[in-house]
Amino acid sequence: MEILCLTILAIIIIYWIMPTKKMRAVNKELKSLLQVFPVTGVINAVMQNKRKSDDTSKEE
């Protein structure tokens, strides 16, 4: 979990340092990536998996 937090922090710092022109290009690409990649579907799947594992651990 620590590695994930440090990675996200590094990405935010790099994004903040970027020139405005490149930042706009990155924003455009991120929008197209998010349209293709079903983020909400992945989040829902993870949440359902967590609920199932929580239910299983309560039964034991």
C-alpha atoms as a PDB file:
ATOM      1  CA  MET A   1       0.000   0.000   0.000  1.00  0.00           C
ATOM      2  CA  GLU A   2       2.898   2.320   0.760  1.00  0.00           C
ATOM      3  CA  ILE A   3       4.307   1.835  -2.739  1.00  0.00           C
ATOM      4  CA  LEU A   4       0.958   2.768  -4.276  1.00  0.00           C
ATOM      5  CA  CYS A   5       0.744   5.970  -2.223  1.00  0.00           C
ATOM      6  CA  LEU A   6       4.293   6.981  -3.120  1.00  0.00           C
ATOM      7  CA  THR A   7       3.613   6.296  -6.804  1.00  0.00           C
ATOM      8  CA  ILE A   8       0.485   8.438  -6.785  1.00  0.00           C
ATOM      9  CA  LEU A   9       2.356  11.208  -4.965  1.00  0.00           C
ATOM     10  CA  ALA A  10       5.182  11.092  -7.529  1.00  0.00           C
ATOM     11  CA  ILE A  11       2.689  11.276 -10.406  1.00  0.00           C
ATOM     12  CA  ILE A  12       0.982  14.302  -8.848  1.00  0.00           C
ATOM     13  CA  ILE A  13       4.315  16.087  -8.374  1.00  0.00           C
ATOM     14  CA  ILE A  14       5.388  15.354 -11.952  1.00  0.00           C
ATOM     15  CA  TYR A  15       2.009  16.549 -13.234  1.00  0.00           C
ATOM     16  CA  TRP A  16       2.336  19.758 -11.198  1.00  0.00           C
ATOM     17  CA  ILE A  17       5.830  20.500 -12.596  1.00  0.00           C
ATOM     18  CA  MET A  18       4.762  19.988 -16.239  1.00  0.00           C
ATOM     19  CA  PRO A  19       4.470  22.942 -18.594  1.00  0.00           C
ATOM     20  CA  THR A  20       0.898  23.996 -19.374  1.00  0.00           C
ATOM     21  CA  LYS A  21       1.053  22.842 -22.998  1.00  0.00           C
ATOM     22  CA  LYS A  22       2.065  19.307 -22.035  1.00  0.00           C
ATOM     23  CA  MET A  23      -0.449  19.276 -19.186  1.00  0.00           C
ATOM     24  CA  ARG A  24      -3.263  19.924 -21.657  1.00  0.00           C
ATOM     25  CA  ALA A  25      -2.061  17.048 -23.818  1.00  0.00           C
ATOM     26  CA  VAL A  26      -1.932  14.756 -20.783  1.00  0.00           C
ATOM     27  CA  ASN A  27      -5.443  15.837 -19.756  1.00  0.00           C
ATOM     28  CA  LYS A  28      -6.745  14.989 -23.230  1.00  0.00           C
ATOM     29  CA  GLU A  29      -5.128  11.557 -23.147  1.00  0.00           C
ATOM     30  CA  LEU A  30      -6.375  10.838 -19.633  1.00  0.00           C
ATOM     31  CA  LYS A  31      -9.927  11.680 -20.671  1.00  0.00           C
ATOM     32  CA  SER A  32      -9.738   9.309 -23.630  1.00  0.00           C
ATOM     33  CA  LEU A  33      -8.181   6.603 -21.430  1.00  0.00           C
ATOM     34  CA  LEU A  34     -10.919   6.937 -18.826  1.00  0.00           C
ATOM     35  CA  GLN A  35     -13.565   6.652 -21.542  1.00  0.00           C
ATOM     36  CA  VAL A  36     -12.050   3.387 -22.762  1.00  0.00           C
ATOM     37  CA  PHE A  37     -11.159   1.923 -19.362  1.00  0.00           C
ATOM     38  CA  PRO A  38     -14.283   1.146 -17.324  1.00  0.00           C
ATOM     39  CA  VAL A  39     -13.156   2.607 -14.002  1.00  0.00           C
ATOM     40  CA  THR A  40     -16.571   2.368 -12.368  1.00  0.00           C
ATOM     41  CA  GLY A  41     -16.858  -1.280 -13.399  1.00  0.00           C
ATOM     42  CA  VAL A  42     -13.503  -2.082 -11.818  1.00  0.00           C
ATOM     43  CA  ILE A  43     -14.404  -0.227  -8.614  1.00  0.00           C
ATOM     44  CA  ASN A  44     -17.745  -2.040  -8.395  1.00  0.00           C
ATOM     45  CA  ALA A  45     -16.049  -5.414  -8.919  1.00  0.00           C
ATOM     46  CA  VAL A  46     -13.504  -4.698  -6.176  1.00  0.00           C
ATOM     47  CA  MET A  47     -16.212  -3.542  -3.768  1.00  0.00           C
ATOM     48  CA  GLN A  48     -18.326  -6.655  -4.458  1.00  0.00           C
ATOM     49  CA  ASN A  49     -15.292  -8.874  -3.962  1.00  0.00           C
ATOM     50  CA  LYS A  50     -14.560  -7.136  -0.654  1.00  0.00           C
ATOM     51  CA  ARG A  51     -18.160  -7.588   0.501  1.00  0.00           C
ATOM     52  CA  LYS A  52     -18.043 -11.284  -0.355  1.00  0.00           C
ATOM     53  CA  SER A  53     -14.787 -11.769   1.558  1.00  0.00           C
ATOM     54  CA  ASP A  54     -16.199  -9.840   4.542  1.00  0.00           C
ATOM     55  CA  ASP A  55     -19.335 -11.995   4.520  1.00  0.00           C
ATOM     56  CA  THR A  56     -17.238 -15.158   4.373  1.00  0.00           C
ATOM     57  CA  SER A  57     -15.027 -14.077   7.266  1.00  0.00           C
ATOM     58  CA  LYS A  58     -18.073 -13.277   9.432  1.00  0.00           C
ATOM     59  CA  GLU A  59     -19.505 -16.773   8.882  1.00  0.00           C
ATOM     60  CA  GLU A  60     -16.358 -18.488  10.153  1.00  0.00           C
END
